[in-house]
All heavy atoms as atom14 arrays in JSON, in Angstrom:
{
  "sequence": "MLSGTLIPVPYDTLRSLAGSRAHDLAPVDGIRGMFVRADNRFQVVY",
  "atom14_mask": [
    [1, 1, 1, 1, 1, 1, 1, 1, 0, 0, 0, 0, 0, 0],
    [1, 1, 1, 1, 1, 1, 1, 1, 0, 0, 0, 0, 0, 0],
    [1, 1, 1, 1, 1, 1, 0, 0, 0, 0, 0, 0, 0, 0],
    [1, 1, 1, 1, 0, 0, 0, 0, 0, 0, 0, 0, 0, 0],
    [1, 1, 1, 1, 1, 1, 1, 0, 0, 0, 0, 0, 0, 0],
    [1, 1, 1, 1, 1, 1, 1, 1, 0, 0, 0, 0, 0, 0],
    [1, 1, 1, 1, 1, 1, 1, 1, 0, 0, 0, 0, 0, 0],
    [1, 1, 1, 1, 1, 1, 1, 0, 0, 0, 0, 0, 0, 0],
    [1, 1, 1, 1, 1, 1, 1, 0, 0, 0, 0, 0, 0, 0],
    [1, 1, 1, 1, 1, 1, 1, 0, 0, 0, 0, 0, 0, 0],
    [1, 1, 1, 1, 1, 1, 1, 1, 1, 1, 1, 1, 0, 0],
    [1, 1, 1, 1, 1, 1, 1, 1, 0, 0, 0, 0, 0, 0],
    [1, 1, 1, 1, 1, 1, 1, 0, 0, 0, 0, 0, 0, 0],
    [1, 1, 1, 1, 1, 1, 1, 1, 0, 0, 0, 0, 0, 0],
    [1, 1, 1, 1, 1, 1, 1, 1, 1, 1, 1, 0, 0, 0],
    [1, 1, 1, 1, 1, 1, 0, 0, 0, 0, 0, 0, 0, 0],
    [1, 1, 1, 1, 1, 1, 1, 1, 0, 0, 0, 0, 0, 0],
    [1, 1, 1, 1, 1, 0, 0, 0, 0, 0, 0, 0, 0, 0],
    [1, 1, 1, 1, 0, 0, 0, 0, 0, 0, 0, 0, 0, 0],
    [1, 1, 1, 1, 1, 1, 0, 0, 0, 0, 0, 0, 0, 0],
    [1, 1, 1, 1, 1, 1, 1, 1, 1, 1, 1, 0, 0, 0],
    [1, 1, 1, 1, 1, 0, 0, 0, 0, 0, 0, 0, 0, 0],
    [1, 1, 1, 1, 1, 1, 1, 1, 1, 1, 0, 0, 0, 0],
    [1, 1, 1, 1, 1, 1, 1, 1, 0, 0, 0, 0, 0, 0],
    [1, 1, 1, 1, 1, 1, 1, 1, 0, 0, 0, 0, 0, 0],
    [1, 1, 1, 1, 1, 0, 0, 0, 0, 0, 0, 0, 0, 0],
    [1, 1, 1, 1, 1, 1, 1, 0, 0, 0, 0, 0, 0, 0],
    [1, 1, 1, 1, 1, 1, 1, 0, 0, 0, 0, 0, 0, 0],
    [1, 1, 1, 1, 1, 1, 1, 1, 0, 0, 0, 0, 0, 0],
    [1, 1, 1, 1, 0, 0, 0, 0, 0, 0, 0, 0, 0, 0],
    [1, 1, 1, 1, 1, 1, 1, 1, 0, 0, 0, 0, 0, 0],
    [1, 1, 1, 1, 1, 1, 1, 1, 1, 1, 1, 0, 0, 0],
    [1, 1, 1, 1, 0, 0, 0, 0, 0, 0, 0, 0, 0, 0],
    [1, 1, 1, 1, 1, 1, 1, 1, 0, 0, 0, 0, 0, 0],
    [1, 1, 1, 1, 1, 1, 1, 1, 1, 1, 1, 0, 0, 0],
    [1, 1, 1, 1, 1, 1, 1, 0, 0, 0, 0, 0, 0, 0],
    [1, 1, 1, 1, 1, 1, 1, 1, 1, 1, 1, 0, 0, 0],
    [1, 1, 1, 1, 1, 0, 0, 0, 0, 0, 0, 0, 0, 0],
    [1, 1, 1, 1, 1, 1, 1, 1, 0, 0, 0, 0, 0, 0],
    [1, 1, 1, 1, 1, 1, 1, 1, 0, 0, 0, 0, 0, 0],
    [1, 1, 1, 1, 1, 1, 1, 1, 1, 1, 1, 0, 0, 0],
    [1, 1, 1, 1, 1, 1, 1, 1, 1, 1, 1, 0, 0, 0],
    [1, 1, 1, 1, 1, 1, 1, 1, 1, 0, 0, 0, 0, 0],
    [1, 1, 1, 1, 1, 1, 1, 0, 0, 0, 0, 0, 0, 0],
    [1, 1, 1, 1, 1, 1, 1, 0, 0, 0, 0, 0, 0, 0],
    [1, 1, 1, 1, 1, 1, 1, 1, 1, 1, 1, 1, 0, 0]
  ],
  "atom14_positions": [
    [[123.41, 72.63, 73.21], [122.91, 73.06, 74.52], [121.4, 73.22, 74.44], [120.86, 73.78, 73.5], [123.54, 74.39, 74.91], [123.06, 74.9, 76.27], [123.74, 76.51, 76.71], [122.75, 77.57, 75.64], [0.0, 0.0, 0.0], [0.0, 0.0, 0.0], [0.0, 0.0, 0.0], [0.0, 0.0, 0.0], [0.0, 0.0, 0.0], [0.0, 0.0, 0.0]],
    [[120.71, 72.69, 75.48], [119.27, 72.85, 75.57], [118.95, 73.97, 76.55], [119.54, 74.06, 77.63], [118.61, 71.56, 76.07], [118.56, 70.38, 75.1], [117.96, 69.17, 75.79], [117.75, 70.72, 73.86], [0.0, 0.0, 0.0], [0.0, 0.0, 0.0], [0.0, 0.0, 0.0], [0.0, 0.0, 0.0], [0.0, 0.0, 0.0], [0.0, 0.0, 0.0]],
    [[118.02, 74.85, 76.16], [117.58, 75.94, 77.03], [116.07, 75.83, 77.17], [115.33, 76.07, 76.22], [117.96, 77.29, 76.41], [117.44, 78.36, 77.16], [0.0, 0.0, 0.0], [0.0, 0.0, 0.0], [0.0, 0.0, 0.0], [0.0, 0.0, 0.0], [0.0, 0.0, 0.0], [0.0, 0.0, 0.0], [0.0, 0.0, 0.0], [0.0, 0.0, 0.0]],
    [[115.63, 75.41, 78.36], [114.2, 75.21, 78.52], [113.81, 74.76, 79.9], [114.54, 74.94, 80.88], [0.0, 0.0, 0.0], [0.0, 0.0, 0.0], [0.0, 0.0, 0.0], [0.0, 0.0, 0.0], [0.0, 0.0, 0.0], [0.0, 0.0, 0.0], [0.0, 0.0, 0.0], [0.0, 0.0, 0.0], [0.0, 0.0, 0.0], [0.0, 0.0, 0.0]],
    [[112.63, 74.12, 80.0], [112.03, 73.74, 81.27], [111.87, 72.23, 81.35], [111.34, 71.6, 80.42], [110.65, 74.4, 81.43], [110.8, 75.81, 81.35], [110.03, 74.04, 82.77], [0.0, 0.0, 0.0], [0.0, 0.0, 0.0], [0.0, 0.0, 0.0], [0.0, 0.0, 0.0], [0.0, 0.0, 0.0], [0.0, 0.0, 0.0], [0.0, 0.0, 0.0]],
    [[112.31, 71.65, 82.47], [112.2, 70.21, 82.67], [110.74, 69.8, 82.88], [110.01, 70.45, 83.62], [113.05, 69.79, 83.87], [113.06, 68.28, 84.18], [113.81, 67.53, 83.09], [113.69, 68.03, 85.54], [0.0, 0.0, 0.0], [0.0, 0.0, 0.0], [0.0, 0.0, 0.0], [0.0, 0.0, 0.0], [0.0, 0.0, 0.0], [0.0, 0.0, 0.0]],
    [[110.33, 68.73, 82.21], [108.99, 68.15, 82.39], [109.17, 66.77, 83.03], [109.7, 65.85, 82.39], [108.26, 68.0, 81.04], [108.19, 69.35, 80.32], [106.86, 67.43, 81.25], [107.63, 69.26, 78.91], [0.0, 0.0, 0.0], [0.0, 0.0, 0.0], [0.0, 0.0, 0.0], [0.0, 0.0, 0.0], [0.0, 0.0, 0.0], [0.0, 0.0, 0.0]],
    [[108.78, 66.59, 84.29], [109.04, 65.32, 85.0], [108.1, 64.2, 84.6], [107.46, 63.56, 85.44], [108.88, 65.71, 86.47], [107.86, 66.81, 86.44], [108.14, 67.59, 85.17], [0.0, 0.0, 0.0], [0.0, 0.0, 0.0], [0.0, 0.0, 0.0], [0.0, 0.0, 0.0], [0.0, 0.0, 0.0], [0.0, 0.0, 0.0], [0.0, 0.0, 0.0]],
    [[107.98, 63.95, 83.31], [107.13, 62.88, 82.76], [107.96, 62.15, 81.72], [108.67, 62.79, 80.93], [105.85, 63.46, 82.11], [105.02, 62.35, 81.5], [105.05, 64.27, 83.13], [0.0, 0.0, 0.0], [0.0, 0.0, 0.0], [0.0, 0.0, 0.0], [0.0, 0.0, 0.0], [0.0, 0.0, 0.0], [0.0, 0.0, 0.0], [0.0, 0.0, 0.0]],
    [[107.92, 60.82, 81.69], [108.69, 60.08, 80.67], [108.38, 60.59, 79.26], [107.22, 60.83, 78.92], [108.25, 58.64, 80.87], [107.85, 58.56, 82.32], [107.22, 59.89, 82.61], [0.0, 0.0, 0.0], [0.0, 0.0, 0.0], [0.0, 0.0, 0.0], [0.0, 0.0, 0.0], [0.0, 0.0, 0.0], [0.0, 0.0, 0.0], [0.0, 0.0, 0.0]],
    [[109.43, 60.73, 78.46], [109.26, 61.27, 77.11], [108.28, 60.43, 76.3], [107.42, 60.99, 75.61], [110.61, 61.32, 76.4], [110.53, 61.82, 74.97], [110.49, 63.18, 74.69], [110.47, 60.92, 73.91], [110.41, 63.64, 73.39], [110.39, 61.37, 72.6], [110.35, 62.73, 72.35], [110.27, 63.16, 71.04], [0.0, 0.0, 0.0], [0.0, 0.0, 0.0]],
    [[108.39, 59.11, 76.37], [107.51, 58.25, 75.57], [106.05, 58.42, 75.97], [105.15, 58.29, 75.14], [107.94, 56.79, 75.7], [109.25, 56.5, 74.98], [109.59, 57.25, 74.03], [109.94, 55.54, 75.36], [0.0, 0.0, 0.0], [0.0, 0.0, 0.0], [0.0, 0.0, 0.0], [0.0, 0.0, 0.0], [0.0, 0.0, 0.0], [0.0, 0.0, 0.0]],
    [[105.81, 58.69, 77.24], [104.44, 58.94, 77.7], [103.89, 60.22, 77.06], [102.76, 60.26, 76.58], [104.4, 59.07, 79.23], [104.85, 57.85, 79.83], [102.98, 59.37, 79.71], [0.0, 0.0, 0.0], [0.0, 0.0, 0.0], [0.0, 0.0, 0.0], [0.0, 0.0, 0.0], [0.0, 0.0, 0.0], [0.0, 0.0, 0.0], [0.0, 0.0, 0.0]],
    [[104.73, 61.27, 77.06], [104.3, 62.52, 76.42], [104.05, 62.32, 74.93], [103.09, 62.84, 74.38], [105.36, 63.59, 76.63], [105.5, 64.16, 78.04], [106.68, 65.13, 78.09], [104.22, 64.85, 78.48], [0.0, 0.0, 0.0], [0.0, 0.0, 0.0], [0.0, 0.0, 0.0], [0.0, 0.0, 0.0], [0.0, 0.0, 0.0], [0.0, 0.0, 0.0]],
    [[104.92, 61.55, 74.3], [104.77, 61.3, 72.86], [103.46, 60.6, 72.56], [102.76, 60.91, 71.59], [105.95, 60.49, 72.32], [105.84, 60.18, 70.82], [105.9, 61.46, 70.02], [105.7, 61.28, 68.6], [104.52, 61.22, 68.0], [103.4, 61.34, 68.73], [104.43, 61.07, 66.7], [0.0, 0.0, 0.0], [0.0, 0.0, 0.0], [0.0, 0.0, 0.0]],
    [[103.1, 59.63, 73.42], [101.86, 58.9, 73.22], [100.66, 59.82, 73.42], [99.68, 59.76, 72.66], [101.8, 57.73, 74.21], [100.58, 57.03, 74.09], [0.0, 0.0, 0.0], [0.0, 0.0, 0.0], [0.0, 0.0, 0.0], [0.0, 0.0, 0.0], [0.0, 0.0, 0.0], [0.0, 0.0, 0.0], [0.0, 0.0, 0.0], [0.0, 0.0, 0.0]],
    [[100.72, 60.67, 74.43], [99.6, 61.59, 74.71], [99.43, 62.61, 73.58], [98.31, 63.02, 73.27], [99.85, 62.32, 76.03], [99.76, 61.46, 77.3], [100.21, 62.28, 78.5], [98.34, 60.96, 77.5], [0.0, 0.0, 0.0], [0.0, 0.0, 0.0], [0.0, 0.0, 0.0], [0.0, 0.0, 0.0], [0.0, 0.0, 0.0], [0.0, 0.0, 0.0]],
    [[100.54, 63.02, 72.96], [100.47, 64.02, 71.89], [99.82, 63.46, 70.63], [99.16, 64.18, 69.88], [101.86, 64.54, 71.57], [0.0, 0.0, 0.0], [0.0, 0.0, 0.0], [0.0, 0.0, 0.0], [0.0, 0.0, 0.0], [0.0, 0.0, 0.0], [0.0, 0.0, 0.0], [0.0, 0.0, 0.0], [0.0, 0.0, 0.0], [0.0, 0.0, 0.0]],
    [[100.0, 62.17, 70.39], [99.37, 61.53, 69.24], [99.68, 62.2, 67.92], [100.83, 62.53, 67.63], [0.0, 0.0, 0.0], [0.0, 0.0, 0.0], [0.0, 0.0, 0.0], [0.0, 0.0, 0.0], [0.0, 0.0, 0.0], [0.0, 0.0, 0.0], [0.0, 0.0, 0.0], [0.0, 0.0, 0.0], [0.0, 0.0, 0.0], [0.0, 0.0, 0.0]],
    [[98.62, 62.47, 67.14], [98.81, 63.05, 65.8], [99.2, 64.53, 65.85], [99.56, 65.1, 64.81], [97.52, 62.89, 64.99], [96.44, 63.58, 65.62], [0.0, 0.0, 0.0], [0.0, 0.0, 0.0], [0.0, 0.0, 0.0], [0.0, 0.0, 0.0], [0.0, 0.0, 0.0], [0.0, 0.0, 0.0], [0.0, 0.0, 0.0], [0.0, 0.0, 0.0]],
    [[99.16, 65.15, 67.02], [99.55, 66.56, 67.12], [101.07, 66.72, 67.1], [101.58, 67.82, 66.97], [98.99, 67.17, 68.4], [97.49, 67.31, 68.43], [97.03, 67.9, 69.74], [97.37, 67.01, 70.86], [97.75, 67.43, 72.06], [97.88, 68.71, 72.3], [98.03, 66.57, 73.02], [0.0, 0.0, 0.0], [0.0, 0.0, 0.0], [0.0, 0.0, 0.0]],
    [[101.78, 65.6, 67.24], [103.25, 65.66, 67.32], [103.9, 65.22, 66.02], [103.38, 64.35, 65.31], [103.74, 64.8, 68.48], [0.0, 0.0, 0.0], [0.0, 0.0, 0.0], [0.0, 0.0, 0.0], [0.0, 0.0, 0.0], [0.0, 0.0, 0.0], [0.0, 0.0, 0.0], [0.0, 0.0, 0.0], [0.0, 0.0, 0.0], [0.0, 0.0, 0.0]],
    [[105.02, 65.81, 65.74], [105.84, 65.46, 64.58], [107.24, 65.13, 65.12], [107.89, 65.97, 65.74], [105.91, 66.64, 63.6], [106.73, 66.37, 62.38], [106.16, 66.07, 61.16], [108.07, 66.35, 62.19], [107.11, 65.9, 60.28], [108.28, 66.05, 60.88], [0.0, 0.0, 0.0], [0.0, 0.0, 0.0], [0.0, 0.0, 0.0], [0.0, 0.0, 0.0]],
    [[107.7, 63.89, 64.89], [109.0, 63.48, 65.4], [110.12, 64.16, 64.63], [110.09, 64.24, 63.4], [109.15, 61.96, 65.3], [108.19, 61.23, 66.23], [108.15, 61.58, 67.43], [107.49, 60.32, 65.76], [0.0, 0.0, 0.0], [0.0, 0.0, 0.0], [0.0, 0.0, 0.0], [0.0, 0.0, 0.0], [0.0, 0.0, 0.0], [0.0, 0.0, 0.0]],
    [[111.11, 64.66, 65.37], [112.26, 65.33, 64.78], [113.42, 64.36, 64.61], [113.54, 63.4, 65.36], [112.69, 66.5, 65.66], [111.61, 67.54, 65.99], [112.16, 68.59, 66.95], [111.08, 68.2, 64.71], [0.0, 0.0, 0.0], [0.0, 0.0, 0.0], [0.0, 0.0, 0.0], [0.0, 0.0, 0.0], [0.0, 0.0, 0.0], [0.0, 0.0, 0.0]],
    [[114.27, 64.64, 63.65], [115.47, 63.84, 63.46], [116.37, 64.01, 64.68], [116.66, 65.15, 65.08], [116.2, 64.25, 62.19], [0.0, 0.0, 0.0], [0.0, 0.0, 0.0], [0.0, 0.0, 0.0], [0.0, 0.0, 0.0], [0.0, 0.0, 0.0], [0.0, 0.0, 0.0], [0.0, 0.0, 0.0], [0.0, 0.0, 0.0], [0.0, 0.0, 0.0]],
    [[116.82, 62.93, 65.3], [117.68, 63.05, 66.48], [118.98, 63.79, 66.18], [119.52, 63.69, 65.09], [117.96, 61.59, 66.87], [116.83, 60.81, 66.26], [116.51, 61.52, 64.98], [0.0, 0.0, 0.0], [0.0, 0.0, 0.0], [0.0, 0.0, 0.0], [0.0, 0.0, 0.0], [0.0, 0.0, 0.0], [0.0, 0.0, 0.0], [0.0, 0.0, 0.0]],
    [[119.45, 64.55, 67.15], [120.72, 65.26, 67.06], [121.6, 64.78, 68.21], [121.21, 64.92, 69.38], [120.54, 66.78, 67.14], [121.88, 67.49, 67.18], [119.72, 67.28, 65.95], [0.0, 0.0, 0.0], [0.0, 0.0, 0.0], [0.0, 0.0, 0.0], [0.0, 0.0, 0.0], [0.0, 0.0, 0.0], [0.0, 0.0, 0.0], [0.0, 0.0, 0.0]],
    [[122.74, 64.2, 67.89], [123.63, 63.64, 68.92], [122.88, 62.68, 69.83], [123.11, 62.62, 71.05], [124.27, 64.76, 69.74], [125.22, 65.62, 68.92], [125.78, 65.1, 67.94], [125.39, 66.81, 69.27], [0.0, 0.0, 0.0], [0.0, 0.0, 0.0], [0.0, 0.0, 0.0], [0.0, 0.0, 0.0], [0.0, 0.0, 0.0], [0.0, 0.0, 0.0]],
    [[121.96, 61.92, 69.22], [121.21, 60.93, 69.98], [120.05, 61.47, 70.78], [119.36, 60.7, 71.46], [0.0, 0.0, 0.0], [0.0, 0.0, 0.0], [0.0, 0.0, 0.0], [0.0, 0.0, 0.0], [0.0, 0.0, 0.0], [0.0, 0.0, 0.0], [0.0, 0.0, 0.0], [0.0, 0.0, 0.0], [0.0, 0.0, 0.0], [0.0, 0.0, 0.0]],
    [[119.8, 62.78, 70.72], [118.71, 63.39, 71.49], [117.44, 63.39, 70.65], [117.38, 63.99, 69.59], [119.06, 64.83, 71.9], [120.31, 64.84, 72.78], [117.88, 65.46, 72.64], [120.77, 66.23, 73.15], [0.0, 0.0, 0.0], [0.0, 0.0, 0.0], [0.0, 0.0, 0.0], [0.0, 0.0, 0.0], [0.0, 0.0, 0.0], [0.0, 0.0, 0.0]],
    [[116.42, 62.67, 71.14], [115.14, 62.62, 70.44], [114.32, 63.87, 70.74], [114.46, 64.47, 71.8], [114.34, 61.38, 70.87], [114.96, 60.06, 70.46], [114.07, 58.91, 70.9], [113.98, 58.83, 72.35], [112.97, 58.27, 73.02], [111.92, 57.8, 72.35], [112.97, 58.21, 74.34], [0.0, 0.0, 0.0], [0.0, 0.0, 0.0], [0.0, 0.0, 0.0]],
    [[113.44, 64.24, 69.82], [112.6, 65.39, 70.03], [111.34, 65.32, 69.21], [111.23, 64.51, 68.27], [0.0, 0.0, 0.0], [0.0, 0.0, 0.0], [0.0, 0.0, 0.0], [0.0, 0.0, 0.0], [0.0, 0.0, 0.0], [0.0, 0.0, 0.0], [0.0, 0.0, 0.0], [0.0, 0.0, 0.0], [0.0, 0.0, 0.0], [0.0, 0.0, 0.0]],
    [[110.38, 66.17, 69.54], [109.12, 66.23, 68.79], [108.62, 67.66, 68.77], [108.85, 68.45, 69.68], [108.06, 65.31, 69.37], [107.7, 65.6, 70.82], [106.39, 64.48, 71.44], [106.53, 64.72, 73.21], [0.0, 0.0, 0.0], [0.0, 0.0, 0.0], [0.0, 0.0, 0.0], [0.0, 0.0, 0.0], [0.0, 0.0, 0.0], [0.0, 0.0, 0.0]],
    [[107.95, 67.99, 67.69], [107.28, 69.28, 67.51], [105.8, 69.03, 67.75], [105.19, 68.22, 67.06], [107.53, 69.76, 66.08], [106.79, 71.02, 65.68], [107.39, 72.26, 65.78], [105.5, 70.95, 65.17], [106.73, 73.42, 65.39], [104.82, 72.09, 64.79], [105.44, 73.33, 64.89], [0.0, 0.0, 0.0], [0.0, 0.0, 0.0], [0.0, 0.0, 0.0]],
    [[105.23, 69.73, 68.75], [103.83, 69.52, 69.12], [103.05, 70.78, 68.82], [103.41, 71.87, 69.28], [103.69, 69.15, 70.61], [102.24, 68.83, 70.94], [104.6, 67.99, 70.96], [0.0, 0.0, 0.0], [0.0, 0.0, 0.0], [0.0, 0.0, 0.0], [0.0, 0.0, 0.0], [0.0, 0.0, 0.0], [0.0, 0.0, 0.0], [0.0, 0.0, 0.0]],
    [[101.96, 70.65, 68.05], [101.15, 71.79, 67.68], [99.77, 71.7, 68.33], [99.16, 70.63, 68.38], [100.98, 71.86, 66.16], [100.36, 73.14, 65.65], [99.95, 73.01, 64.18], [101.03, 72.62, 63.33], [101.88, 73.46, 62.74], [101.75, 74.75, 62.95], [102.83, 73.02, 61.95], [0.0, 0.0, 0.0], [0.0, 0.0, 0.0], [0.0, 0.0, 0.0]],
    [[99.3, 72.85, 68.83], [97.95, 72.95, 69.37], [97.35, 74.24, 68.84], [97.72, 75.33, 69.29], [97.96, 72.95, 70.9], [0.0, 0.0, 0.0], [0.0, 0.0, 0.0], [0.0, 0.0, 0.0], [0.0, 0.0, 0.0], [0.0, 0.0, 0.0], [0.0, 0.0, 0.0], [0.0, 0.0, 0.0], [0.0, 0.0, 0.0], [0.0, 0.0, 0.0]],
    [[96.46, 74.12, 67.86], [95.9, 75.28, 67.17], [97.04, 76.1, 66.57], [97.8, 75.59, 65.78], [95.04, 76.13, 68.13], [93.85, 75.34, 68.65], [93.28, 74.56, 67.86], [93.49, 75.51, 69.81], [0.0, 0.0, 0.0], [0.0, 0.0, 0.0], [0.0, 0.0, 0.0], [0.0, 0.0, 0.0], [0.0, 0.0, 0.0], [0.0, 0.0, 0.0]],
    [[97.17, 77.39, 66.96], [98.22, 78.23, 66.39], [99.45, 78.33, 67.3], [100.29, 79.2, 67.12], [97.69, 79.63, 66.09], [97.25, 80.36, 67.35], [97.05, 79.74, 68.38], [97.08, 81.67, 67.24], [0.0, 0.0, 0.0], [0.0, 0.0, 0.0], [0.0, 0.0, 0.0], [0.0, 0.0, 0.0], [0.0, 0.0, 0.0], [0.0, 0.0, 0.0]],
    [[99.54, 77.46, 68.28], [100.67, 77.45, 69.18], [101.43, 76.14, 69.04], [100.86, 75.13, 68.63], [100.22, 77.63, 70.63], [99.4, 78.9, 70.87], [99.02, 79.04, 72.32], [100.18, 79.2, 73.19], [100.11, 79.27, 74.52], [98.94, 79.2, 75.12], [101.21, 79.42, 75.24], [0.0, 0.0, 0.0], [0.0, 0.0, 0.0], [0.0, 0.0, 0.0]],
    [[102.72, 76.17, 69.36], [103.49, 74.94, 69.27], [104.58, 74.94, 70.33], [104.93, 75.96, 70.9], [104.08, 74.75, 67.88], [105.21, 75.7, 67.55], [106.51, 75.43, 67.96], [104.96, 76.86, 66.85], [107.54, 76.3, 67.65], [105.99, 77.74, 66.55], [107.28, 77.46, 66.96], [0.0, 0.0, 0.0], [0.0, 0.0, 0.0], [0.0, 0.0, 0.0]],
    [[105.12, 73.75, 70.57], [106.22, 73.58, 71.51], [107.12, 72.46, 71.01], [106.63, 71.46, 70.47], [105.69, 73.22, 72.91], [106.79, 73.01, 73.95], [107.54, 74.29, 74.22], [106.99, 75.27, 74.71], [108.83, 74.3, 73.92], [0.0, 0.0, 0.0], [0.0, 0.0, 0.0], [0.0, 0.0, 0.0], [0.0, 0.0, 0.0], [0.0, 0.0, 0.0]],
    [[108.41, 72.64, 71.17], [109.36, 71.59, 70.85], [109.8, 70.97, 72.17], [110.18, 71.67, 73.11], [110.57, 72.14, 70.07], [111.58, 71.02, 69.8], [110.1, 72.74, 68.74], [0.0, 0.0, 0.0], [0.0, 0.0, 0.0], [0.0, 0.0, 0.0], [0.0, 0.0, 0.0], [0.0, 0.0, 0.0], [0.0, 0.0, 0.0], [0.0, 0.0, 0.0]],
    [[109.75, 69.62, 72.22], [110.08, 68.89, 73.45], [111.15, 67.86, 73.13], [111.06, 67.14, 72.12], [108.83, 68.2, 74.01], [109.17, 67.39, 75.28], [107.73, 69.21, 74.31], [0.0, 0.0, 0.0], [0.0, 0.0, 0.0], [0.0, 0.0, 0.0], [0.0, 0.0, 0.0], [0.0, 0.0, 0.0], [0.0, 0.0, 0.0], [0.0, 0.0, 0.0]],
    [[112.16, 67.79, 74.0], [113.25, 66.84, 73.82], [113.27, 65.83, 74.97], [112.87, 66.15, 76.1], [114.6, 67.56, 73.77], [114.78, 68.42, 72.55], [114.53, 69.8, 72.62], [115.17, 67.87, 71.34], [114.69, 70.6, 71.5], [115.34, 68.67, 70.22], [115.1, 70.03, 70.3], [115.26, 70.8, 69.18], [0.0, 0.0, 0.0], [0.0, 0.0, 0.0]]
  ]
}
């Protein structure tokens, strides 16, 4: 189950914008995700 906020932007577009700040996560049940860091803050996006 995912608990979070919808971002109405294609995932691949977000991944491209994140660049080196993102770390791709191993897919779970086919769901792709990335860990994005900005200074001392981070967000996980699926």
